Amino acid sequence: MLNILYGALILAGIMALFMAVHTVYVRQHGGKETQLSCGGCAGRENCEDYREGGCDGRKMSRYKAVFFDLDGTLLDTAADLNAAVNAALAPSGFPARTVEQTRADIGNGTKMLVHRSVPEGTDQKTEAAVFEVFRKYYAQHASDRTSVYPGIKGTLTALAGRGLKLAVITNKNNEVAVPLIRKFFGNRFCCICGWRDGFARKPAADMFTYCLNQLKVKPDEVLYVGDTEVDAAFAKNAGAPFVLVTWGCRDRGKLEQLGAAGVIGKPAELMQFV
């Protein structure tokens, strides 16, 4: 009887220790106490760190969610956007744009992309007509040459393996953004917010607030990841820390001046910030 009692007490002690390690921790970070959430063993078979022996299923994160920009961060969409721009410019006899010119113009939504693409001084009626051609063309060809940046899918898997909620926020129209994301990432993201009526485009914080409410998290519990000065302003307006990436639309020199928690050159480097 005593052996059974001792065994039960030892087991209870082990379980208590396990739960203490496996639940919520508090760690000093950035000069303040930050609550850490753990993905535990849920989904660990999909966790890149666990498969590679670098995680025992109990790695902790200082955040509860990671929100991503789309164009230039998750997907290389420049070639398809450029094709749509040139298809829209041609009927008006406007000169074609290069992919690199289009890449530099990305960041404030497709209306601004078209505005930056038409010749300076183009009247509003003509610009509106160009945009309408662009909109219809891009809706049909948004994924012809678009691709996922190398390393992104593995990093998303690793983040989900730590129990982090993932979301995408983009100035791309919602009716285009959702099927595009579903095609390349399936149901990986808990929340997808593309621009639609009732929201102001980034850098206004409307869409960030929407995702916060959907996922029931606070701004300082979210790390935002983007690739332009628009993304930096967006995160600041939302009151969230952010990381910027160099594989998208801007060079490192410009990004390092924007006050990010970090500027990274490979998706796997994001793991050190969560």
C-alpha atoms as a PDB file:
ATOM      1  CA  MET A   1       0.000   0.000   0.000  1.00  0.00           C
ATOM      2  CA  LEU A   2       2.840   2.352   0.931  1.00  0.00           C
ATOM      3  CA  ASN A   3       4.583   1.547  -2.377  1.00  0.00           C
ATOM      4  CA  ILE A   4       1.458   2.535  -4.292  1.00  0.00           C
ATOM      5  CA  LEU A   5       1.185   5.771  -2.286  1.00  0.00           C
ATOM      6  CA  TYR A   6       4.855   6.639  -2.845  1.00  0.00           C
ATOM      7  CA  GLY A   7       4.486   5.868  -6.545  1.00  0.00           C
ATOM      8  CA  ALA A   8       1.433   8.128  -6.796  1.00  0.00           C
ATOM      9  CA  LEU A   9       3.251  10.970  -5.030  1.00  0.00           C
ATOM     10  CA  ILE A  10       6.273  10.656  -7.329  1.00  0.00           C
ATOM     11  CA  LEU A  11       4.036  10.629 -10.415  1.00  0.00           C
ATOM     12  CA  ALA A  12       2.146  13.691  -9.160  1.00  0.00           C
ATOM     13  CA  GLY A  13       5.451  15.492  -8.619  1.00  0.00           C
ATOM     14  CA  ILE A  14       6.647  14.660 -12.121  1.00  0.00           C
ATOM     15  CA  MET A  15       3.359  15.856 -13.653  1.00  0.00           C
ATOM     16  CA  ALA A  16       3.484  19.098 -11.655  1.00  0.00           C
ATOM     17  CA  LEU A  17       7.031  19.761 -12.833  1.00  0.00           C
ATOM     18  CA  PHE A  18       6.086  18.980 -16.420  1.00  0.00           C
ATOM     19  CA  MET A  19       3.100  21.345 -16.342  1.00  0.00           C
ATOM     20  CA  ALA A  20       5.228  24.104 -14.819  1.00  0.00           C
ATOM     21  CA  VAL A  21       7.714  23.829 -17.664  1.00  0.00           C
ATOM     22  CA  HIS A  22       5.126  23.225 -20.352  1.00  0.00           C
ATOM     23  CA  THR A  23       2.642  26.042 -19.751  1.00  0.00           C
ATOM     24  CA  VAL A  24       3.182  29.796 -19.441  1.00  0.00           C
ATOM     25  CA  TYR A  25       6.528  31.327 -18.597  1.00  0.00           C
ATOM     26  CA  VAL A  26       7.608  34.870 -17.926  1.00  0.00           C
ATOM     27  CA  ARG A  27      10.914  36.035 -19.305  1.00  0.00           C
ATOM     28  CA  GLN A  28      12.705  39.342 -19.240  1.00  0.00           C
ATOM     29  CA  HIS A  29      12.597  40.766 -22.772  1.00  0.00           C
ATOM     30  CA  GLY A  30      13.224  44.278 -23.962  1.00  0.00           C
ATOM     31  CA  GLY A  31      13.246  45.664 -20.419  1.00  0.00           C
ATOM     32  CA  LYS A  32       9.771  44.413 -19.475  1.00  0.00           C
ATOM     33  CA  GLU A  33       8.097  41.260 -18.329  1.00  0.00           C
ATOM     34  CA  THR A  34       6.743  39.400 -21.355  1.00  0.00           C
ATOM     35  CA  GLN A  35       4.350  36.461 -21.160  1.00  0.00           C
ATOM     36  CA  LEU A  36       5.488  33.505 -23.236  1.00  0.00           C
ATOM     37  CA  SER A  37       3.154  31.002 -24.843  1.00  0.00           C
ATOM     38  CA  CYS A  38       4.187  27.469 -25.749  1.00  0.00           C
ATOM     39  CA  GLY A  39       3.011  25.323 -28.626  1.00  0.00           C
ATOM     40  CA  GLY A  40       3.933  22.293 -26.559  1.00  0.00           C
ATOM     41  CA  CYS A  41       3.814  19.000 -28.353  1.00  0.00           C
ATOM     42  CA  ALA A  42       0.811  19.954 -30.484  1.00  0.00           C
ATOM     43  CA  GLY A  43       1.836  19.577 -34.095  1.00  0.00           C
ATOM     44  CA  ARG A  44       5.448  18.835 -33.211  1.00  0.00           C
ATOM     45  CA  GLU A  45       5.715  16.338 -36.069  1.00  0.00           C
ATOM     46  CA  ASN A  46       5.415  19.399 -38.340  1.00  0.00           C
ATOM     47  CA  CYS A  47       7.939  21.468 -36.402  1.00  0.00           C
ATOM     48  CA  GLU A  48      11.150  22.009 -38.328  1.00  0.00           C
ATOM     49  CA  ASP A  49      13.176  22.488 -35.126  1.00  0.00           C
ATOM     50  CA  TYR A  50      11.790  19.290 -33.598  1.00  0.00           C
ATOM     51  CA  ARG A  51      12.566  17.199 -36.708  1.00  0.00           C
ATOM     52  CA  GLU A  52      16.107  18.517 -36.768  1.00  0.00           C
ATOM     53  CA  GLY A  53      16.655  17.726 -33.094  1.00  0.00           C
ATOM     54  CA  GLY A  54      16.783  21.352 -31.990  1.00  0.00           C
ATOM     55  CA  CYS A  55      13.519  21.351 -30.057  1.00  0.00           C
ATOM     56  CA  ASP A  56      12.046  18.978 -27.497  1.00  0.00           C
ATOM     57  CA  GLY A  57       8.521  20.247 -28.134  1.00  0.00           C
ATOM     58  CA  ARG A  58       8.697  22.849 -25.346  1.00  0.00           C
ATOM     59  CA  LYS A  59      10.327  25.834 -27.049  1.00  0.00           C
ATOM     60  CA  MET A  60       8.751  29.061 -25.927  1.00  0.00           C
ATOM     61  CA  SER A  61       7.725  32.144 -27.846  1.00  0.00           C
ATOM     62  CA  ARG A  62       7.458  35.675 -26.521  1.00  0.00           C
ATOM     63  CA  TYR A  63       4.538  36.243 -28.941  1.00  0.00           C
ATOM     64  CA  LYS A  64       1.161  34.652 -29.534  1.00  0.00           C
ATOM     65  CA  ALA A  65       0.903  35.435 -33.261  1.00  0.00           C
ATOM     66  CA  VAL A  66       2.887  36.459 -36.324  1.00  0.00           C
ATOM     67  CA  PHE A  67       1.243  38.635 -38.988  1.00  0.00           C
ATOM     68  CA  PHE A  68       2.748  38.753 -42.491  1.00  0.00           C
ATOM     69  CA  ASP A  69       2.639  41.091 -45.438  1.00  0.00           C
ATOM     70  CA  LEU A  70       2.065  39.229 -48.732  1.00  0.00           C
ATOM     71  CA  ASP A  71       3.773  40.760 -51.800  1.00  0.00           C
ATOM     72  CA  GLY A  72       7.535  40.707 -51.380  1.00  0.00           C
ATOM     73  CA  THR A  73       7.334  38.897 -48.048  1.00  0.00           C
ATOM     74  CA  LEU A  74       5.591  35.552 -48.603  1.00  0.00           C
ATOM     75  CA  LEU A  75       5.118  35.585 -52.374  1.00  0.00           C
ATOM     76  CA  ASP A  76       7.161  36.970 -55.256  1.00  0.00           C
ATOM     77  CA  THR A  77       4.284  38.527 -57.214  1.00  0.00           C
ATOM     78  CA  ALA A  78       6.259  41.138 -59.163  1.00  0.00           C
ATOM     79  CA  ALA A  79       6.223  39.340 -62.530  1.00  0.00           C
ATOM     80  CA  ASP A  80       2.429  38.915 -62.556  1.00  0.00           C
ATOM     81  CA  LEU A  81       1.839  42.458 -61.350  1.00  0.00           C
ATOM     82  CA  ASN A  82       4.171  43.728 -64.064  1.00  0.00           C
ATOM     83  CA  ALA A  83       2.359  41.731 -66.748  1.00  0.00           C
ATOM     84  CA  ALA A  84      -0.956  43.208 -65.589  1.00  0.00           C
ATOM     85  CA  VAL A  85       0.489  46.726 -65.546  1.00  0.00           C
ATOM     86  CA  ASN A  86       1.782  46.409 -69.097  1.00  0.00           C
ATOM     87  CA  ALA A  87      -1.471  44.864 -70.336  1.00  0.00           C
ATOM     88  CA  ALA A  88      -3.264  47.890 -68.897  1.00  0.00           C
ATOM     89  CA  LEU A  89      -0.825  50.488 -70.252  1.00  0.00           C
ATOM     90  CA  ALA A  90      -0.781  49.174 -73.815  1.00  0.00           C
ATOM     91  CA  PRO A  91      -4.302  50.254 -74.938  1.00  0.00           C
ATOM     92  CA  SER A  92      -3.464  53.871 -74.084  1.00  0.00           C
ATOM     93  CA  GLY A  93      -0.126  53.717 -75.877  1.00  0.00           C
ATOM     94  CA  PHE A  94       1.825  54.216 -72.654  1.00  0.00           C
ATOM     95  CA  PRO A  95       5.353  52.777 -72.432  1.00  0.00           C
ATOM     96  CA  ALA A  96       5.782  49.389 -70.793  1.00  0.00           C
ATOM     97  CA  ARG A  97       7.399  49.034 -67.376  1.00  0.00           C
ATOM     98  CA  THR A  98      10.118  46.590 -66.382  1.00  0.00           C
ATOM     99  CA  VAL A  99       9.650  44.028 -63.627  1.00  0.00           C
ATOM    100  CA  GLU A 100      12.142  45.912 -61.466  1.00  0.00           C
ATOM    101  CA  GLN A 101      10.263  49.183 -61.943  1.00  0.00           C
ATOM    102  CA  THR A 102       7.060  47.457 -60.890  1.00  0.00           C
ATOM    103  CA  ARG A 103       8.800  45.841 -57.929  1.00  0.00           C
ATOM    104  CA  ALA A 104       9.897  49.281 -56.716  1.00  0.00           C
ATOM    105  CA  ASP A 105       6.297  50.565 -57.013  1.00  0.00           C
ATOM    106  CA  ILE A 106       4.730  47.811 -54.892  1.00  0.00           C
ATOM    107  CA  GLY A 107       3.561  48.519 -51.359  1.00  0.00           C
ATOM    108  CA  ASN A 108       0.517  50.803 -51.309  1.00  0.00           C
ATOM    109  CA  GLY A 109      -2.038  48.707 -53.173  1.00  0.00           C
ATOM    110  CA  THR A 110      -2.851  48.238 -56.846  1.00  0.00           C
ATOM    111  CA  LYS A 111      -4.424  51.659 -57.406  1.00  0.00           C
ATOM    112  CA  MET A 112      -1.218  53.316 -56.306  1.00  0.00           C
ATOM    113  CA  LEU A 113       0.771  50.828 -58.393  1.00  0.00           C
ATOM    114  CA  VAL A 114      -1.153  51.914 -61.494  1.00  0.00           C
ATOM    115  CA  HIS A 115      -0.809  55.581 -60.537  1.00  0.00           C
ATOM    116  CA  ARG A 116       2.954  55.169 -60.331  1.00  0.00           C
ATOM    117  CA  SER A 117       3.011  53.278 -63.630  1.00  0.00           C
ATOM    118  CA  VAL A 118       1.182  55.726 -65.893  1.00  0.00           C
ATOM    119  CA  PRO A 119       3.129  58.707 -67.272  1.00  0.00           C
ATOM    120  CA  GLU A 120       3.241  61.747 -65.015  1.00  0.00           C
ATOM    121  CA  GLY A 121       0.385  64.132 -65.780  1.00  0.00           C
ATOM    122  CA  THR A 122      -2.055  61.429 -66.921  1.00  0.00           C
ATOM    123  CA  ASP A 123      -5.616  62.661 -66.359  1.00  0.00           C
ATOM    124  CA  GLN A 124      -7.829  60.913 -63.815  1.00  0.00           C
ATOM    125  CA  LYS A 125     -10.280  59.515 -66.354  1.00  0.00           C
ATOM    126  CA  THR A 126      -7.523  57.842 -68.342  1.00  0.00           C
ATOM    127  CA  GLU A 127      -5.844  56.526 -65.196  1.00  0.00           C
ATOM    128  CA  ALA A 128      -9.163  55.069 -64.027  1.00  0.00           C
ATOM    129  CA  ALA A 129      -9.567  53.303 -67.384  1.00  0.00           C
ATOM    130  CA  VAL A 130      -6.031  51.896 -67.119  1.00  0.00           C
ATOM    131  CA  PHE A 131      -6.766  50.646 -63.618  1.00  0.00           C
ATOM    132  CA  GLU A 132      -9.941  48.892 -64.745  1.00  0.00           C
ATOM    133  CA  VAL A 133      -8.006  46.972 -67.421  1.00  0.00           C
ATOM    134  CA  PHE A 134      -5.354  46.149 -64.818  1.00  0.00           C
ATOM    135  CA  ARG A 135      -7.926  44.934 -62.302  1.00  0.00           C
ATOM    136  CA  LYS A 136      -9.629  42.548 -64.732  1.00  0.00           C
ATOM    137  CA  TYR A 137      -6.368  41.206 -66.145  1.00  0.00           C
ATOM    138  CA  TYR A 138      -4.747  40.650 -62.772  1.00  0.00           C
ATOM    139  CA  ALA A 139      -7.803  38.881 -61.356  1.00  0.00           C
ATOM    140  CA  GLN A 140      -7.394  36.269 -64.111  1.00  0.00           C
ATOM    141  CA  HIS A 141      -3.588  36.006 -64.073  1.00  0.00           C
ATOM    142  CA  ALA A 142      -2.559  36.639 -60.458  1.00  0.00           C
ATOM    143  CA  SER A 143      -0.703  33.351 -60.082  1.00  0.00           C
ATOM    144  CA  ASP A 144       0.703  32.682 -63.563  1.00  0.00           C
ATOM    145  CA  ARG A 145       4.326  33.400 -62.571  1.00  0.00           C
ATOM    146  CA  THR A 146       3.991  34.053 -58.855  1.00  0.00           C
ATOM    147  CA  SER A 147       6.016  31.841 -56.507  1.00  0.00           C
ATOM    148  CA  VAL A 148       6.669  31.296 -52.804  1.00  0.00           C
ATOM    149  CA  TYR A 149      10.033  32.629 -51.652  1.00  0.00           C
ATOM    150  CA  PRO A 150      12.482  29.827 -50.777  1.00  0.00           C
ATOM    151  CA  GLY A 151      12.375  28.857 -47.113  1.00  0.00           C
ATOM    152  CA  ILE A 152       9.006  30.451 -46.370  1.00  0.00           C
ATOM    153  CA  LYS A 153       6.976  27.247 -46.060  1.00  0.00           C
ATOM    154  CA  GLY A 154       9.476  25.641 -43.698  1.00  0.00           C
ATOM    155  CA  THR A 155       9.511  28.734 -41.493  1.00  0.00           C
ATOM    156  CA  LEU A 156       5.703  28.855 -41.377  1.00  0.00           C
ATOM    157  CA  THR A 157       5.710  25.213 -40.312  1.00  0.00           C
ATOM    158  CA  ALA A 158       8.240  25.946 -37.568  1.00  0.00           C
ATOM    159  CA  LEU A 159       6.204  28.919 -36.312  1.00  0.00           C
ATOM    160  CA  ALA A 160       3.000  26.872 -36.224  1.00  0.00           C
ATOM    161  CA  GLY A 161       4.903  24.131 -34.416  1.00  0.00           C
ATOM    162  CA  ARG A 162       5.527  26.595 -31.596  1.00  0.00           C
ATOM    163  CA  GLY A 163       1.822  27.278 -31.276  1.00  0.00           C
ATOM    164  CA  LEU A 164       1.859  30.699 -32.946  1.00  0.00           C
ATOM    165  CA  LYS A 165      -1.223  31.933 -34.774  1.00  0.00           C
ATOM    166  CA  LEU A 166      -0.436  33.092 -38.321  1.00  0.00           C
ATOM    167  CA  ALA A 167      -2.167  35.796 -40.368  1.00  0.00           C
ATOM    168  CA  VAL A 168      -1.686  37.673 -43.655  1.00  0.00           C
ATOM    169  CA  ILE A 169      -2.505  41.344 -44.121  1.00  0.00           C
ATOM    170  CA  THR A 170      -2.200  42.832 -47.602  1.00  0.00           C
ATOM    171  CA  ASN A 171      -3.223  45.916 -49.555  1.00  0.00           C
ATOM    172  CA  LYS A 172      -4.112  43.573 -52.417  1.00  0.00           C
ATOM    173  CA  ASN A 173      -7.882  43.374 -52.949  1.00  0.00           C
ATOM    174  CA  ASN A 174      -9.392  40.679 -50.735  1.00  0.00           C
ATOM    175  CA  GLU A 175     -11.115  38.841 -53.603  1.00  0.00           C
ATOM    176  CA  VAL A 176      -7.711  38.322 -55.230  1.00  0.00           C
ATOM    177  CA  ALA A 177      -5.668  37.823 -52.052  1.00  0.00           C
ATOM    178  CA  VAL A 178      -7.706  35.013 -50.514  1.00  0.00           C
ATOM    179  CA  PRO A 179      -7.624  32.556 -53.441  1.00  0.00           C
ATOM    180  CA  LEU A 180      -3.971  33.400 -54.092  1.00  0.00           C
ATOM    181  CA  ILE A 181      -3.014  32.588 -50.501  1.00  0.00           C
ATOM    182  CA  ARG A 182      -5.158  29.460 -50.427  1.00  0.00           C
ATOM    183  CA  LYS A 183      -3.502  28.222 -53.629  1.00  0.00           C
ATOM    184  CA  PHE A 184       0.039  28.508 -52.295  1.00  0.00           C
ATOM    185  CA  PHE A 185      -0.487  27.930 -48.559  1.00  0.00           C
ATOM    186  CA  GLY A 186      -3.761  26.039 -48.145  1.00  0.00           C
ATOM    187  CA  ASN A 187      -5.260  26.669 -44.714  1.00  0.00           C
ATOM    188  CA  ARG A 188      -1.973  27.590 -43.029  1.00  0.00           C
ATOM    189  CA  PHE A 189      -3.216  31.053 -41.967  1.00  0.00           C
ATOM    190  CA  CYS A 190      -5.806  31.598 -39.245  1.00  0.00           C
ATOM    191  CA  CYS A 191      -6.754  35.011 -40.642  1.00  0.00           C
ATOM    192  CA  ILE A 192      -6.424  36.563 -44.103  1.00  0.00           C
ATOM    193  CA  CYS A 193      -7.225  40.237 -44.524  1.00  0.00           C
ATOM    194  CA  GLY A 194      -6.971  41.838 -47.933  1.00  0.00           C
ATOM    195  CA  TRP A 195      -8.245  45.310 -48.661  1.00  0.00           C
ATOM    196  CA  ARG A 196     -11.994  45.705 -48.993  1.00  0.00           C
ATOM    197  CA  ASP A 197     -14.594  48.453 -48.561  1.00  0.00           C
ATOM    198  CA  GLY A 198     -14.709  49.722 -44.997  1.00  0.00           C
ATOM    199  CA  PHE A 199     -10.957  49.416 -44.407  1.00  0.00           C
ATOM    200  CA  ALA A 200      -8.241  51.949 -44.989  1.00  0.00           C
ATOM    201  CA  ARG A 201      -5.175  50.552 -46.735  1.00  0.00           C
ATOM    202  CA  LYS A 202      -1.850  50.113 -44.971  1.00  0.00           C
ATOM    203  CA  PRO A 203      -0.172  51.980 -43.335  1.00  0.00           C
ATOM    204  CA  ALA A 204      -3.478  52.750 -41.555  1.00  0.00           C
ATOM    205  CA  ALA A 205      -3.955  50.156 -38.808  1.00  0.00           C
ATOM    206  CA  ASP A 206      -7.534  49.103 -39.710  1.00  0.00           C
ATOM    207  CA  MET A 207      -6.652  45.682 -41.098  1.00  0.00           C
ATOM    208  CA  PHE A 208      -4.237  44.982 -38.244  1.00  0.00           C
ATOM    209  CA  THR A 209      -7.012  45.708 -35.749  1.00  0.00           C
ATOM    210  CA  TYR A 210      -9.331  43.382 -37.653  1.00  0.00           C
ATOM    211  CA  CYS A 211      -6.875  40.481 -37.336  1.00  0.00           C
ATOM    212  CA  LEU A 212      -6.232  41.268 -33.658  1.00  0.00           C
ATOM    213  CA  ASN A 213      -9.959  40.967 -32.991  1.00  0.00           C
ATOM    214  CA  GLN A 214     -10.299  37.797 -35.049  1.00  0.00           C
ATOM    215  CA  LEU A 215      -7.438  36.051 -33.245  1.00  0.00           C
ATOM    216  CA  LYS A 216      -8.084  37.652 -29.836  1.00  0.00           C
ATOM    217  CA  VAL A 217      -4.545  38.930 -29.333  1.00  0.00           C
ATOM    218  CA  LYS A 218      -3.057  42.302 -28.357  1.00  0.00           C
ATOM    219  CA  PRO A 219      -0.669  44.390 -30.507  1.00  0.00           C
ATOM    220  CA  ASP A 220       2.359  43.681 -28.308  1.00  0.00           C
ATOM    221  CA  GLU A 221       1.616  39.937 -28.524  1.00  0.00           C
ATOM    222  CA  VAL A 222       2.101  40.043 -32.298  1.00  0.00           C
ATOM    223  CA  LEU A 223       5.254  40.206 -34.415  1.00  0.00           C
ATOM    224  CA  TYR A 224       4.648  41.754 -37.831  1.00  0.00           C
ATOM    225  CA  VAL A 225       6.794  40.815 -40.844  1.00  0.00           C
ATOM    226  CA  GLY A 226       7.016  42.918 -44.007  1.00  0.00           C
ATOM    227  CA  ASP A 227       9.395  44.259 -46.612  1.00  0.00           C
ATOM    228  CA  THR A 228       8.760  47.976 -47.202  1.00  0.00           C
ATOM    229  CA  GLU A 229       8.588  51.329 -45.472  1.00  0.00           C
ATOM    230  CA  VAL A 230       4.786  50.981 -45.700  1.00  0.00           C
ATOM    231  CA  ASP A 231       5.000  47.849 -43.547  1.00  0.00           C
ATOM    232  CA  ALA A 232       7.201  49.646 -41.020  1.00  0.00           C
ATOM    233  CA  ALA A 233       4.708  52.508 -40.722  1.00  0.00           C
ATOM    234  CA  PHE A 234       1.838  50.023 -40.541  1.00  0.00           C
ATOM    235  CA  ALA A 235       3.347  48.143 -37.598  1.00  0.00           C
ATOM    236  CA  LYS A 236       4.167  51.396 -35.806  1.00  0.00           C
ATOM    237  CA  ASN A 237       0.609  52.639 -36.276  1.00  0.00           C
ATOM    238  CA  ALA A 238      -0.673  49.348 -34.852  1.00  0.00           C
ATOM    239  CA  GLY A 239       1.712  49.471 -31.885  1.00  0.00           C
ATOM    240  CA  ALA A 240       3.379  46.167 -32.784  1.00  0.00           C
ATOM    241  CA  PRO A 241       7.055  45.139 -33.026  1.00  0.00           C
ATOM    242  CA  PHE A 242       8.175  44.240 -36.535  1.00  0.00           C
ATOM    243  CA  VAL A 243      10.852  42.551 -38.621  1.00  0.00           C
ATOM    244  CA  LEU A 244      11.684  43.521 -42.215  1.00  0.00           C
ATOM    245  CA  VAL A 245      12.965  41.185 -44.945  1.00  0.00           C
ATOM    246  CA  THR A 246      15.485  41.920 -47.693  1.00  0.00           C
ATOM    247  CA  TRP A 247      14.278  39.435 -50.343  1.00  0.00           C
ATOM    248  CA  GLY A 248      11.295  41.586 -51.316  1.00  0.00           C
ATOM    249  CA  CYS A 249      10.982  45.073 -52.730  1.00  0.00           C
ATOM    250  CA  ARG A 250      13.546  47.179 -50.829  1.00  0.00           C
ATOM    251  CA  ASP A 251      17.275  46.965 -50.154  1.00  0.00           C
ATOM    252  CA  ARG A 252      18.799  46.413 -46.727  1.00  0.00           C
ATOM    253  CA  GLY A 253      20.215  49.926 -46.408  1.00  0.00           C
ATOM    254  CA  LYS A 254      16.771  51.525 -46.571  1.00  0.00           C
ATOM    255  CA  LEU A 255      15.188  48.921 -44.308  1.00  0.00           C
ATOM    256  CA  GLU A 256      17.786  49.325 -41.572  1.00  0.00           C
ATOM    257  CA  GLN A 257      16.750  52.958 -41.124  1.00  0.00           C
ATOM    258  CA  LEU A 258      13.114  52.133 -40.305  1.00  0.00           C
ATOM    259  CA  GLY A 259      13.370  51.064 -36.664  1.00  0.00           C
ATOM    260  CA  ALA A 260      12.684  47.344 -37.056  1.00  0.00           C
ATOM    261  CA  ALA A 261      13.490  44.818 -34.344  1.00  0.00           C
ATOM    262  CA  GLY A 262      15.570  43.144 -37.026  1.00  0.00           C
ATOM    263  CA  VAL A 263      16.284  43.028 -40.756  1.00  0.00           C
ATOM    264  CA  ILE A 264      16.663  39.493 -42.102  1.00  0.00           C
ATOM    265  CA  GLY A 265      17.976  37.985 -45.333  1.00  0.00           C
ATOM    266  CA  LYS A 266      16.566  34.444 -44.983  1.00  0.00           C
ATOM    267  CA  PRO A 267      13.169  33.248 -43.701  1.00  0.00           C
ATOM    268  CA  ALA A 268      14.758  30.902 -41.133  1.00  0.00           C
ATOM    269  CA  GLU A 269      16.336  33.930 -39.420  1.00  0.00           C
ATOM    270  CA  LEU A 270      12.850  34.963 -38.302  1.00  0.00           C
ATOM    271  CA  MET A 271      12.869  32.214 -35.667  1.00  0.00           C
ATOM    272  CA  GLN A 272      15.399  34.098 -33.527  1.00  0.00           C
ATOM    273  CA  PHE A 273      12.881  36.946 -33.065  1.00  0.00           C
ATOM    274  CA  VAL A 274       9.899  34.884 -31.893  1.00  0.00           C
END
